[in-house]
Amino acid sequence: MKQIKYFALFLLLVVLSCSTAYNPPSISKEGGTPVVTPSEIQAGGGNEGLNKKLIFSVGRIAHPPYRLMPGDTVRVSVFGVEELQDLTGKIDSTGKVSLPLVGTVKIGGLTIGEAKKVLQRAFRKYVTSPKVNLEITEYNGFRVSVLGEVEKPDVYSLKGTRTVLDVLAQAGGLKDDASHTIILTHLGPERHSAIYINLEKLVNNWKFSKDLMLQPGDILYVPKADNIYVDGFVRKPNAYPLTRPTTVTDAITEAGGMSLDADPTQVVIYRRNEAGNKKIIRVDINKIRNGEQKNVRLEPNDVVIVPSSGIKVFVYHFFGVGVGPSGLPSARAGGK
């Protein structure tokens, strides 16, 4: 019996002498990802929370005044003049509407209030101090395309004032692996530009931006999020979509946290930049949690490796207990 105890003590000393530091695998100089990648790459996480905020935000962000556009049908009346009641006209491709007495008047691109003033000036030539009422009886529909990582990518027919949030909700929201940075491209004759929109910031702030307004022919593209990889002694090693700003501790939490025999002081981040240069970043999770070390924000395709602790592995497998964060034995939880 004493021999068994001495042998166990000898093994413990050997493990302690071999586990003082963790040396990550060397990075090869050849091309390709120089790290161990999970065998099954499945996007985790999810955008369920963001989609709920998206639906909740629709209608809560105040729309700007609608601007008349070609194809809209309007009804115009001049107060107190029987002959000038319920005059209807359709705005043509140049933005003009044809009305009795005043002929063609350009009101396309104006708000209803602005269009009233233009019509009042036109009728003033024939009516003293005219009071003009204008209403839209039929909106001209327009089409926008929604592409990428949404539940129902398609070409959508819209009417009236519509925003990015409206059409994303109509498209069923984002898929789990969709990026939170979306791209809106205007292809109209007056504007041809691409705008990058932080969707998460938008649904959290509820502030209107003119960039949200959709125009005929717009293309809304929701790209797939880049991945980060978490491997080693975590409970759910996997690839996870980088849908939002994520730190190394966020990534470990998303991977289910560290297993009992992990070493939080020797975590390694493998990174390759756009130029192909490779970098190893060593972090101590305990120091980060204590505020002694800055948390590292992860970049696309970063790989986080959580190593094992030699002493924890020995105690866990030999004695049937795990070593907790305090260094004291804890009850074996069964598996990692």
Protein backbone atom coordinates (compact mmCIF):
# COMPACT_ATOMS: atom_id res chain seq x y z
CA MET A 1 0.00 0.00 0.00
CA LYS A 2 2.88 2.36 0.88
CA GLN A 3 4.49 1.59 -2.47
CA ILE A 4 1.35 2.71 -4.29
CA LYS A 5 1.33 6.00 -2.32
CA TYR A 6 5.00 6.66 -3.09
CA PHE A 7 4.41 5.86 -6.76
CA ALA A 8 1.45 8.29 -6.88
CA LEU A 9 3.57 11.00 -5.20
CA PHE A 10 6.34 10.38 -7.74
CA LEU A 11 3.88 10.75 -10.63
CA LEU A 12 2.51 13.94 -9.11
CA LEU A 13 5.98 15.48 -8.91
CA VAL A 14 6.65 14.51 -12.53
CA VAL A 15 3.44 16.13 -13.69
CA LEU A 16 4.16 19.29 -11.73
CA SER A 17 7.61 19.57 -13.23
CA CYS A 18 6.20 19.20 -16.77
CA SER A 19 3.22 21.53 -16.47
CA THR A 20 4.75 24.84 -15.45
CA ALA A 21 4.25 26.37 -18.90
CA TYR A 22 2.27 25.72 -22.05
CA ASN A 23 4.12 25.87 -25.36
CA PRO A 24 1.73 26.20 -28.29
CA PRO A 25 2.39 24.31 -31.51
CA SER A 26 4.81 26.07 -33.82
CA ILE A 27 3.36 27.89 -36.81
CA SER A 28 4.57 26.69 -40.17
CA LYS A 29 5.85 29.20 -42.72
CA GLU A 30 3.83 27.63 -45.49
CA GLY A 31 0.44 28.97 -46.54
CA GLY A 32 -2.85 27.83 -45.13
CA THR A 33 -4.33 28.10 -41.67
CA PRO A 34 -1.56 27.11 -39.25
CA VAL A 35 -3.79 25.81 -36.49
CA VAL A 36 -5.99 22.92 -35.50
CA THR A 37 -9.49 23.54 -36.84
CA PRO A 38 -12.57 21.78 -35.40
CA SER A 39 -13.43 18.71 -37.44
CA GLU A 40 -17.05 19.78 -37.82
CA ILE A 41 -17.59 23.46 -38.57
CA GLN A 42 -21.11 24.37 -37.56
CA ALA A 43 -22.26 27.92 -36.99
CA GLY A 44 -23.43 28.37 -33.43
CA GLY A 45 -24.85 31.30 -31.55
CA GLY A 46 -27.88 32.71 -33.29
CA ASN A 47 -29.68 35.94 -34.12
CA GLU A 48 -32.95 35.20 -32.35
CA GLY A 49 -32.48 38.08 -29.93
CA LEU A 50 -31.60 40.53 -32.69
CA ASN A 51 -34.61 39.44 -34.76
CA LYS A 52 -36.91 40.07 -31.79
CA LYS A 53 -35.48 43.57 -31.44
CA LEU A 54 -35.86 44.04 -35.18
CA ILE A 55 -39.57 43.21 -35.12
CA PHE A 56 -40.05 45.32 -31.99
CA SER A 57 -38.33 48.31 -33.62
CA VAL A 58 -40.48 48.30 -36.77
CA GLY A 59 -42.90 51.21 -36.43
CA ARG A 60 -41.06 52.69 -33.45
CA ILE A 61 -38.49 54.51 -35.55
CA ALA A 62 -40.28 57.60 -36.83
CA HIS A 63 -40.41 57.80 -40.61
CA PRO A 64 -39.63 61.10 -42.30
CA PRO A 65 -42.36 62.83 -44.33
CA TYR A 66 -43.15 60.91 -47.51
CA ARG A 67 -41.93 62.45 -50.75
CA LEU A 68 -44.13 62.22 -53.80
CA MET A 69 -42.78 60.01 -56.55
CA PRO A 70 -43.65 59.17 -60.17
CA GLY A 71 -46.69 56.92 -60.39
CA ASP A 72 -48.40 58.32 -57.29
CA THR A 73 -51.99 59.46 -57.80
CA VAL A 74 -53.02 62.63 -55.95
CA ARG A 75 -56.29 64.43 -55.28
CA VAL A 76 -56.25 68.23 -55.12
CA SER A 77 -58.99 70.57 -53.88
CA VAL A 78 -59.08 74.37 -53.56
CA PHE A 79 -61.17 75.41 -50.56
CA GLY A 80 -64.27 77.44 -51.43
CA VAL A 81 -64.02 76.94 -55.21
CA GLU A 82 -66.63 74.43 -56.36
CA GLU A 83 -65.04 73.94 -59.78
CA LEU A 84 -61.71 73.02 -58.21
CA GLN A 85 -62.79 70.16 -55.96
CA ASP A 86 -61.43 66.60 -56.11
CA LEU A 87 -59.07 67.16 -59.00
CA THR A 88 -57.12 63.97 -59.58
CA GLY A 89 -53.89 63.44 -61.42
CA LYS A 90 -51.03 60.98 -61.70
CA ILE A 91 -47.44 62.13 -61.33
CA ASP A 92 -45.51 61.31 -64.51
CA SER A 93 -41.93 60.14 -64.91
CA THR A 94 -40.64 63.73 -64.78
CA GLY A 95 -42.38 64.42 -61.47
CA LYS A 96 -45.14 66.56 -62.96
CA VAL A 97 -48.91 66.33 -62.50
CA SER A 98 -51.47 67.76 -64.90
CA LEU A 99 -54.40 69.63 -63.33
CA PRO A 100 -57.24 71.76 -64.73
CA LEU A 101 -56.64 75.52 -64.95
CA VAL A 102 -52.97 75.47 -63.93
CA GLY A 103 -51.73 72.82 -66.38
CA THR A 104 -48.64 70.80 -65.43
CA VAL A 105 -46.97 71.41 -62.07
CA LYS A 106 -43.84 69.65 -60.83
CA ILE A 107 -44.37 68.19 -57.37
CA GLY A 108 -42.37 64.94 -57.58
CA GLY A 109 -39.77 64.61 -54.84
CA LEU A 110 -41.62 67.04 -52.54
CA THR A 111 -43.37 66.35 -49.27
CA ILE A 112 -47.11 66.94 -49.14
CA GLY A 113 -46.56 70.22 -47.32
CA GLU A 114 -44.03 71.41 -49.90
CA ALA A 115 -46.28 70.32 -52.77
CA LYS A 116 -49.21 72.30 -51.31
CA LYS A 117 -47.15 75.50 -51.35
CA VAL A 118 -46.14 74.91 -54.98
CA LEU A 119 -49.79 74.36 -55.96
CA GLN A 120 -50.92 77.42 -54.03
CA ARG A 121 -48.49 79.55 -56.03
CA ALA A 122 -49.80 78.00 -59.24
CA PHE A 123 -53.47 78.62 -58.39
CA ARG A 124 -52.75 82.12 -57.11
CA LYS A 125 -52.73 83.33 -60.70
CA TYR A 126 -56.42 82.48 -60.92
CA VAL A 127 -57.73 82.39 -57.35
CA THR A 128 -57.28 84.96 -54.61
CA SER A 129 -55.44 83.53 -51.59
CA PRO A 130 -56.12 79.89 -52.50
CA LYS A 131 -56.13 77.28 -49.76
CA VAL A 132 -55.06 74.00 -51.32
CA ASN A 133 -55.58 70.53 -49.91
CA LEU A 134 -53.59 67.59 -51.32
CA GLU A 135 -53.77 63.91 -50.50
CA ILE A 136 -52.32 60.75 -51.98
CA THR A 137 -55.04 58.38 -53.16
CA GLU A 138 -52.70 55.69 -54.49
CA TYR A 139 -49.02 55.06 -53.91
CA ASN A 140 -46.91 53.80 -56.75
CA GLY A 141 -45.28 50.52 -55.80
CA PHE A 142 -41.53 50.05 -56.10
CA ARG A 143 -39.29 47.04 -55.86
CA VAL A 144 -36.21 46.36 -53.77
CA SER A 145 -34.04 43.25 -53.57
CA VAL A 146 -33.08 41.57 -50.31
CA LEU A 147 -30.15 39.17 -50.71
CA GLY A 148 -27.89 37.11 -48.50
CA GLU A 149 -28.41 35.62 -45.05
CA VAL A 150 -32.10 36.32 -44.47
CA GLU A 151 -34.85 33.76 -44.08
CA LYS A 152 -36.67 34.77 -47.29
CA PRO A 153 -34.36 36.46 -49.80
CA ASP A 154 -36.45 37.86 -52.65
CA VAL A 155 -37.50 40.92 -54.63
CA TYR A 156 -40.13 42.79 -52.61
CA SER A 157 -42.82 45.18 -53.87
CA LEU A 158 -43.27 48.08 -51.46
CA LYS A 159 -45.49 51.12 -51.24
CA GLY A 160 -45.16 54.41 -49.41
CA THR A 161 -42.36 55.16 -46.98
CA ARG A 162 -40.37 52.04 -46.22
CA THR A 163 -37.12 51.53 -44.34
CA VAL A 164 -34.46 48.87 -44.05
CA LEU A 165 -36.13 47.54 -40.90
CA ASP A 166 -39.48 47.17 -42.68
CA VAL A 167 -38.12 45.03 -45.49
CA LEU A 168 -35.87 42.95 -43.20
CA ALA A 169 -38.89 42.10 -41.10
CA GLN A 170 -40.79 41.22 -44.27
CA ALA A 171 -37.88 38.97 -45.27
CA GLY A 172 -38.25 37.00 -42.04
CA GLY A 173 -35.23 38.43 -40.23
CA LEU A 174 -31.61 37.30 -40.20
CA LYS A 175 -30.31 33.76 -40.24
CA ASP A 176 -28.21 32.55 -37.32
CA ASP A 177 -24.90 33.06 -39.10
CA ALA A 178 -25.71 36.48 -40.59
CA SER A 179 -23.49 39.46 -39.96
CA HIS A 180 -24.92 42.43 -38.10
CA THR A 181 -23.31 44.80 -40.60
CA ILE A 182 -25.53 44.98 -43.68
CA ILE A 183 -25.02 46.78 -46.97
CA LEU A 184 -27.61 49.00 -48.66
CA THR A 185 -26.88 49.91 -52.28
CA HIS A 186 -28.79 52.72 -54.00
CA LEU A 187 -28.90 52.30 -57.79
CA GLY A 188 -31.21 55.21 -58.63
CA PRO A 189 -30.27 57.88 -61.20
CA GLU A 190 -29.66 60.50 -58.51
CA ARG A 191 -27.71 58.32 -56.08
CA HIS A 192 -25.43 55.38 -56.65
CA SER A 193 -23.75 54.44 -53.41
CA ALA A 194 -23.22 51.64 -50.91
CA ILE A 195 -23.97 52.27 -47.24
CA TYR A 196 -22.83 50.03 -44.39
CA ILE A 197 -25.38 49.85 -41.57
CA ASN A 198 -24.75 48.51 -38.06
CA LEU A 199 -28.06 46.74 -37.53
CA GLU A 200 -27.54 45.95 -33.85
CA LYS A 201 -26.76 49.59 -33.06
CA LEU A 202 -29.79 50.65 -35.04
CA VAL A 203 -32.34 48.45 -33.25
CA ASN A 204 -30.89 49.42 -29.87
CA ASN A 205 -31.03 53.19 -30.46
CA TRP A 206 -34.31 53.58 -32.39
CA LYS A 207 -32.98 56.70 -34.11
CA PHE A 208 -33.94 57.47 -37.66
CA SER A 209 -31.30 57.98 -40.31
CA LYS A 210 -31.91 59.04 -43.90
CA ASP A 211 -29.76 56.06 -44.89
CA LEU A 212 -32.60 53.80 -43.76
CA MET A 213 -34.97 55.04 -46.43
CA LEU A 214 -35.50 52.65 -49.32
CA GLN A 215 -35.66 53.83 -52.90
CA PRO A 216 -36.79 52.10 -56.10
CA GLY A 217 -34.23 49.55 -57.23
CA ASP A 218 -32.34 49.40 -53.92
CA ILE A 219 -30.39 46.25 -53.07
CA LEU A 220 -30.08 45.20 -49.43
CA TYR A 221 -27.38 42.60 -48.83
CA VAL A 222 -26.90 40.72 -45.57
CA PRO A 223 -23.49 39.00 -45.67
CA LYS A 224 -22.53 35.89 -43.79
CA ALA A 225 -20.56 36.55 -40.64
CA ASP A 226 -16.92 35.57 -40.45
CA ASN A 227 -16.12 32.73 -38.08
CA ILE A 228 -13.99 32.45 -35.01
CA TYR A 229 -12.87 29.05 -33.69
CA VAL A 230 -12.70 27.83 -30.11
CA ASP A 231 -10.96 24.54 -29.46
CA GLY A 232 -9.18 22.64 -26.71
CA PHE A 233 -10.49 22.12 -23.20
CA VAL A 234 -13.86 23.84 -23.53
CA ARG A 235 -17.26 22.17 -23.32
CA LYS A 236 -18.38 22.97 -26.88
CA PRO A 237 -15.38 23.32 -29.22
CA ASN A 238 -16.70 24.64 -32.50
CA ALA A 239 -16.73 27.42 -35.07
CA TYR A 240 -18.86 30.42 -34.10
CA PRO A 241 -20.06 33.29 -36.31
CA LEU A 242 -18.51 36.64 -35.47
CA THR A 243 -21.79 38.53 -35.68
CA ARG A 244 -20.87 41.20 -33.14
CA PRO A 245 -17.78 42.53 -31.33
CA THR A 246 -16.49 39.53 -29.37
CA THR A 247 -13.69 39.20 -26.82
CA VAL A 248 -11.75 36.08 -25.94
CA THR A 249 -13.79 35.63 -22.77
CA ASP A 250 -17.02 36.04 -24.77
CA ALA A 251 -15.86 33.29 -27.14
CA ILE A 252 -15.02 30.90 -24.30
CA THR A 253 -18.40 31.57 -22.70
CA GLU A 254 -20.15 30.91 -26.02
CA ALA A 255 -18.23 27.62 -26.22
CA GLY A 256 -19.80 26.53 -22.94
CA GLY A 257 -16.95 27.62 -20.71
CA MET A 258 -13.75 25.81 -19.80
CA SER A 259 -13.71 22.20 -18.66
CA LEU A 260 -12.50 21.27 -15.17
CA ASP A 261 -9.03 20.31 -16.37
CA ALA A 262 -8.43 23.47 -18.44
CA ASP A 263 -5.63 25.92 -17.73
CA PRO A 264 -7.07 29.47 -17.90
CA THR A 265 -3.63 31.05 -17.49
CA GLN A 266 -2.19 29.73 -20.77
CA VAL A 267 -4.91 30.46 -23.35
CA VAL A 268 -3.58 31.17 -26.84
CA ILE A 269 -5.09 33.10 -29.76
CA TYR A 270 -3.82 32.32 -33.25
CA ARG A 271 -4.28 35.13 -35.76
CA ARG A 272 -3.46 35.73 -39.42
CA ASN A 273 -3.85 39.23 -40.85
CA GLU A 274 -4.77 40.26 -44.41
CA ALA A 275 -1.10 40.29 -45.42
CA GLY A 276 -0.79 36.64 -44.38
CA ASN A 277 1.38 37.35 -41.34
CA LYS A 278 0.82 35.02 -38.41
CA LYS A 279 0.66 35.99 -34.78
CA ILE A 280 0.33 34.23 -31.41
CA ILE A 281 -1.36 36.10 -28.56
CA ARG A 282 -1.11 34.60 -25.07
CA VAL A 283 -3.74 35.56 -22.51
CA ASP A 284 -4.39 34.78 -18.88
CA ILE A 285 -8.15 34.54 -18.36
CA ASN A 286 -7.77 34.86 -14.60
CA LYS A 287 -5.91 38.16 -14.97
CA ILE A 288 -8.53 39.43 -17.44
CA ARG A 289 -11.30 38.64 -14.98
CA ASN A 290 -9.37 40.36 -12.19
CA GLY A 291 -8.79 43.44 -14.32
CA GLU A 292 -5.02 42.88 -14.44
CA GLN A 293 -4.93 42.23 -18.20
CA LYS A 294 -6.90 43.78 -21.04
CA ASN A 295 -9.49 41.58 -22.69
CA VAL A 296 -8.59 40.78 -26.30
CA ARG A 297 -11.13 41.57 -29.00
CA LEU A 298 -11.20 38.80 -31.58
CA GLU A 299 -10.87 39.28 -35.31
CA PRO A 300 -12.28 37.18 -38.18
CA ASN A 301 -10.82 33.65 -38.34
CA ASP A 302 -9.08 33.92 -34.97
CA VAL A 303 -8.60 30.57 -33.26
CA VAL A 304 -8.76 30.36 -29.47
CA ILE A 305 -7.05 27.34 -27.93
CA VAL A 306 -7.65 26.52 -24.27
CA PRO A 307 -4.94 24.08 -23.07
CA SER A 308 -5.11 21.56 -20.27
CA SER A 309 -3.48 21.89 -16.90
CA GLY A 310 -1.11 19.00 -16.15
CA ILE A 311 -1.86 18.99 -12.43
CA LYS A 312 -5.62 19.22 -13.03
CA VAL A 313 -5.56 16.35 -15.51
CA PHE A 314 -3.59 14.19 -13.09
CA VAL A 315 -5.82 14.91 -10.09
CA TYR A 316 -8.98 14.61 -12.19
CA HIS A 317 -8.15 11.23 -13.70
CA PHE A 318 -6.10 9.66 -10.90
CA PHE A 319 -8.05 10.71 -7.81
CA GLY A 320 -11.49 11.23 -9.39
CA VAL A 321 -11.82 14.90 -8.43
CA GLY A 322 -11.39 18.11 -10.35
CA VAL A 323 -9.44 21.19 -9.36
CA GLY A 324 -11.55 24.33 -9.24
CA PRO A 325 -10.48 27.93 -10.00
CA SER A 326 -9.25 28.32 -6.43
CA GLY A 327 -6.86 25.40 -6.80
CA LEU A 328 -8.79 23.28 -4.30
CA PRO A 329 -10.24 19.87 -5.22
CA SER A 330 -13.85 19.83 -6.38
CA ALA A 331 -16.25 16.95 -6.94
CA ARG A 332 -15.80 15.15 -10.24
CA ALA A 333 -18.56 16.24 -12.59
CA GLY A 334 -18.31 13.38 -15.03
CA GLY A 335 -16.62 14.18 -18.34
CA LYS A 336 -15.10 17.50 -19.30
